[in-house]
Amino acid sequence: QSPDLYLNLANSYFKAGRIGPAVLYYKKALRLAPGDQEIKFNLKFAMQQYSLPVNSEQGWFKEKFTGFINLVPMNKTVPVAVLFYWIFVLALILALFFRKKALLFSTIAAAVLFVAVSAYAGLQYYADNLHPEGVVLSGTARIRYSFEAGEEVAFTLSEGSVVEVLNDRNGWYQIKDPDNNIGWIKSDELGMV
């Protein structure tokens, strides 16, 4: 998985007039490179060209929390946590073997860093997996009140719309759109970010 690959795929889909896959791959690229200004610009530009809502109102805390969580991608956070774990183990073994005060402080520092980085990685995992995002891939998706056969259409969403995925069942995803409407969409009409 490479942000550059996803960015190139997104740009290709956008040029081909396929806004759904374009938004999906811009979002995937942003997940791997959250601070990349080119990806952010291209995503915003593409969504504006198709009159899609660019930013949902998040609120101050959620905006700041999301910004904090996306400072460093998870694929870089986890190896750092593992590194601090092994430094802690090595420092602990040396402290027990040599019984020096400086080694004890090094052990405590490594333990604190390991816990802090692990907690940060845990927050990232929680934020990514609590309610993941999805992107509507079909032209006009008919969102239903339930996933039951023959259920009435609640509302429609345009291709490229970004939604929050709440649940999945029997080949359907329960979603919430930017206007807080909740309904069910067929799984083949939604791409998971």
Protein backbone atom coordinates (compact mmCIF):
# COMPACT_ATOMS: atom_id res chain seq x y z
CA GLN A 1 0.00 0.00 0.00
CA SER A 2 1.46 3.29 -1.12
CA PRO A 3 -0.06 6.77 -0.91
CA ASP A 4 1.52 7.61 -4.28
CA LEU A 5 -0.11 4.57 -5.90
CA TYR A 6 -3.50 5.49 -4.43
CA LEU A 7 -3.05 9.11 -5.50
CA ASN A 8 -2.26 8.05 -9.08
CA LEU A 9 -5.27 5.71 -9.13
CA ALA A 10 -7.50 8.48 -7.80
CA ASN A 11 -6.24 10.98 -10.37
CA SER A 12 -6.81 8.44 -13.17
CA TYR A 13 -10.37 7.74 -12.02
CA PHE A 14 -11.08 11.46 -11.70
CA LYS A 15 -9.84 12.12 -15.24
CA ALA A 16 -12.03 9.24 -16.46
CA GLY A 17 -15.09 10.82 -14.82
CA ARG A 18 -15.46 8.15 -12.12
CA ILE A 19 -15.81 10.27 -8.99
CA GLY A 20 -16.69 7.36 -6.67
CA PRO A 21 -13.44 5.40 -7.09
CA ALA A 22 -11.51 8.70 -7.26
CA VAL A 23 -12.76 9.81 -3.83
CA LEU A 24 -12.20 6.29 -2.44
CA TYR A 25 -8.55 6.25 -3.51
CA TYR A 26 -7.92 9.85 -2.39
CA LYS A 27 -9.27 8.84 1.02
CA LYS A 28 -7.09 5.70 1.08
CA ALA A 29 -4.05 7.81 0.16
CA LEU A 30 -4.87 10.27 2.96
CA ARG A 31 -5.10 7.42 5.44
CA LEU A 32 -1.50 6.48 4.63
CA ALA A 33 -0.21 10.06 4.31
CA PRO A 34 -2.53 12.22 6.44
CA GLY A 35 -0.46 15.39 6.12
CA ASP A 36 -0.01 15.30 2.34
CA GLN A 37 -1.26 18.65 0.99
CA GLU A 38 -1.41 17.46 -2.63
CA ILE A 39 -3.78 14.63 -1.76
CA LYS A 40 -5.95 16.97 0.35
CA PHE A 41 -6.08 19.53 -2.47
CA ASN A 42 -6.94 16.94 -5.13
CA LEU A 43 -9.68 15.39 -2.97
CA LYS A 44 -11.22 18.79 -2.24
CA PHE A 45 -11.01 19.83 -5.91
CA ALA A 46 -12.59 16.58 -7.14
CA MET A 47 -15.44 16.76 -4.64
CA GLN A 48 -16.13 20.41 -5.49
CA GLN A 49 -16.24 19.58 -9.21
CA TYR A 50 -19.04 17.09 -8.54
CA SER A 51 -20.81 19.29 -5.95
CA LEU A 52 -20.16 16.83 -3.13
CA PRO A 53 -19.92 18.08 0.46
CA VAL A 54 -16.23 18.72 1.08
CA ASN A 55 -16.14 18.74 4.86
CA SER A 56 -18.80 17.61 7.25
CA GLU A 57 -19.19 19.74 10.35
CA GLN A 58 -17.12 17.92 12.95
CA GLY A 59 -17.07 20.16 15.94
CA TRP A 60 -13.98 21.59 17.59
CA PHE A 61 -13.01 18.55 19.70
CA LYS A 62 -13.48 15.97 16.94
CA GLU A 63 -11.53 18.13 14.49
CA LYS A 64 -8.61 18.51 16.93
CA PHE A 65 -8.73 14.82 17.92
CA THR A 66 -8.69 13.76 14.25
CA GLY A 67 -5.79 16.11 13.56
CA PHE A 68 -3.85 14.69 16.52
CA ILE A 69 -4.54 11.08 15.54
CA ASN A 70 -3.44 11.73 11.95
CA LEU A 71 -0.13 13.42 12.82
CA VAL A 72 1.75 10.18 12.19
CA PRO A 73 0.42 7.25 10.13
CA MET A 74 -0.22 4.03 12.05
CA ASN A 75 2.21 2.10 9.86
CA LYS A 76 4.97 4.26 11.38
CA THR A 77 3.62 4.38 14.95
CA VAL A 78 3.50 0.63 15.57
CA PRO A 79 7.17 -0.06 14.65
CA VAL A 80 8.24 2.78 16.98
CA ALA A 81 6.20 1.20 19.80
CA VAL A 82 7.86 -2.17 19.13
CA LEU A 83 11.29 -0.48 19.14
CA PHE A 84 10.62 1.15 22.51
CA TYR A 85 9.41 -2.20 23.86
CA TRP A 86 12.69 -3.90 22.96
CA ILE A 87 14.70 -0.97 24.34
CA PHE A 88 12.71 -1.32 27.58
CA VAL A 89 13.38 -5.09 27.74
CA LEU A 90 17.09 -4.60 27.07
CA ALA A 91 17.36 -1.78 29.62
CA LEU A 92 15.48 -3.89 32.20
CA ILE A 93 17.80 -6.86 31.71
CA LEU A 94 20.86 -4.60 31.97
CA ALA A 95 19.47 -2.84 35.05
CA LEU A 96 18.82 -6.17 36.78
CA PHE A 97 22.22 -7.51 35.83
CA PHE A 98 24.42 -4.46 36.59
CA ARG A 99 22.25 -2.75 39.25
CA LYS A 100 23.21 0.80 38.21
CA LYS A 101 20.98 3.78 38.94
CA ALA A 102 21.44 5.24 35.42
CA LEU A 103 20.16 1.99 33.89
CA LEU A 104 17.11 2.10 36.16
CA PHE A 105 16.24 5.60 34.87
CA SER A 106 16.77 4.40 31.28
CA THR A 107 14.41 1.50 31.95
CA ILE A 108 11.73 3.80 33.34
CA ALA A 109 12.12 6.24 30.41
CA ALA A 110 11.86 3.42 27.86
CA ALA A 111 8.78 2.04 29.64
CA VAL A 112 7.08 5.47 29.65
CA LEU A 113 7.86 5.98 25.94
CA PHE A 114 6.62 2.48 25.10
CA VAL A 115 3.33 3.07 26.94
CA ALA A 116 2.86 6.53 25.38
CA VAL A 117 3.49 5.38 21.80
CA SER A 118 1.39 2.24 22.31
CA ALA A 119 -1.49 4.34 23.64
CA TYR A 120 -1.20 6.62 20.60
CA ALA A 121 -1.27 3.59 18.27
CA GLY A 122 -4.28 2.26 20.17
CA LEU A 123 -6.11 5.56 19.71
CA GLN A 124 -5.33 5.43 15.99
CA TYR A 125 -6.68 1.89 15.73
CA TYR A 126 -9.79 2.84 17.69
CA ALA A 127 -10.43 5.92 15.52
CA ASP A 128 -9.95 3.94 12.30
CA ASN A 129 -12.10 0.98 13.28
CA LEU A 130 -14.90 2.37 15.42
CA HIS A 131 -16.90 3.74 12.50
CA PRO A 132 -14.92 3.43 9.28
CA GLU A 133 -15.64 5.55 6.23
CA GLY A 134 -17.11 4.35 2.98
CA VAL A 135 -17.56 5.95 -0.43
CA VAL A 136 -20.58 5.44 -2.67
CA LEU A 137 -19.39 3.82 -5.92
CA SER A 138 -22.65 3.49 -7.85
CA GLY A 139 -24.19 6.34 -9.88
CA THR A 140 -27.12 7.00 -7.55
CA ALA A 141 -27.31 4.68 -4.58
CA ARG A 142 -30.75 3.94 -3.18
CA ILE A 143 -30.47 3.84 0.59
CA ARG A 144 -33.14 1.75 2.30
CA TYR A 145 -34.63 1.80 5.78
CA SER A 146 -33.68 -1.84 6.28
CA PHE A 147 -31.72 -4.55 4.51
CA GLU A 148 -34.86 -6.70 4.24
CA ALA A 149 -36.04 -7.64 0.73
CA GLY A 150 -38.50 -5.13 -0.77
CA GLU A 151 -37.82 -2.47 1.83
CA GLU A 152 -38.76 1.10 0.92
CA VAL A 153 -36.08 3.58 -0.25
CA ALA A 154 -35.29 6.13 2.48
CA PHE A 155 -33.07 8.47 0.47
CA THR A 156 -30.48 8.47 -2.32
CA LEU A 157 -26.80 9.34 -2.40
CA SER A 158 -24.66 10.44 -5.32
CA GLU A 159 -21.56 8.62 -6.46
CA GLY A 160 -18.56 9.82 -4.45
CA SER A 161 -20.54 10.61 -1.29
CA VAL A 162 -18.54 9.87 1.85
CA VAL A 163 -20.44 8.09 4.62
CA GLU A 164 -19.78 6.63 8.04
CA VAL A 165 -20.24 2.86 8.20
CA LEU A 166 -22.10 1.82 11.35
CA ASN A 167 -22.79 -1.88 10.80
CA ASP A 168 -22.78 -4.64 8.20
CA ARG A 169 -25.19 -7.53 7.75
CA ASN A 170 -26.09 -9.99 4.98
CA GLY A 171 -24.27 -8.13 2.19
CA TRP A 172 -25.51 -4.70 3.31
CA TYR A 173 -23.87 -1.81 5.17
CA GLN A 174 -25.70 0.44 7.59
CA ILE A 175 -24.46 3.96 6.92
CA LYS A 176 -24.85 7.53 8.13
CA ASP A 177 -24.53 10.34 5.59
CA PRO A 178 -23.18 13.86 6.31
CA ASP A 179 -26.76 15.02 7.08
CA ASN A 180 -27.05 12.29 9.76
CA ASN A 181 -29.55 10.22 7.72
CA ILE A 182 -29.19 6.52 8.52
CA GLY A 183 -29.99 3.69 6.15
CA TRP A 184 -28.75 0.52 4.43
CA ILE A 185 -26.78 0.23 1.18
CA LYS A 186 -25.78 -2.90 -0.77
CA SER A 187 -22.16 -3.78 -0.09
CA ASP A 188 -21.25 -3.77 -3.80
CA GLU A 189 -22.30 -0.09 -4.04
CA LEU A 190 -19.91 1.05 -1.30
CA GLY A 191 -16.11 1.10 -1.20
CA MET A 192 -14.54 0.86 2.24
CA VAL A 193 -11.78 3.35 3.00
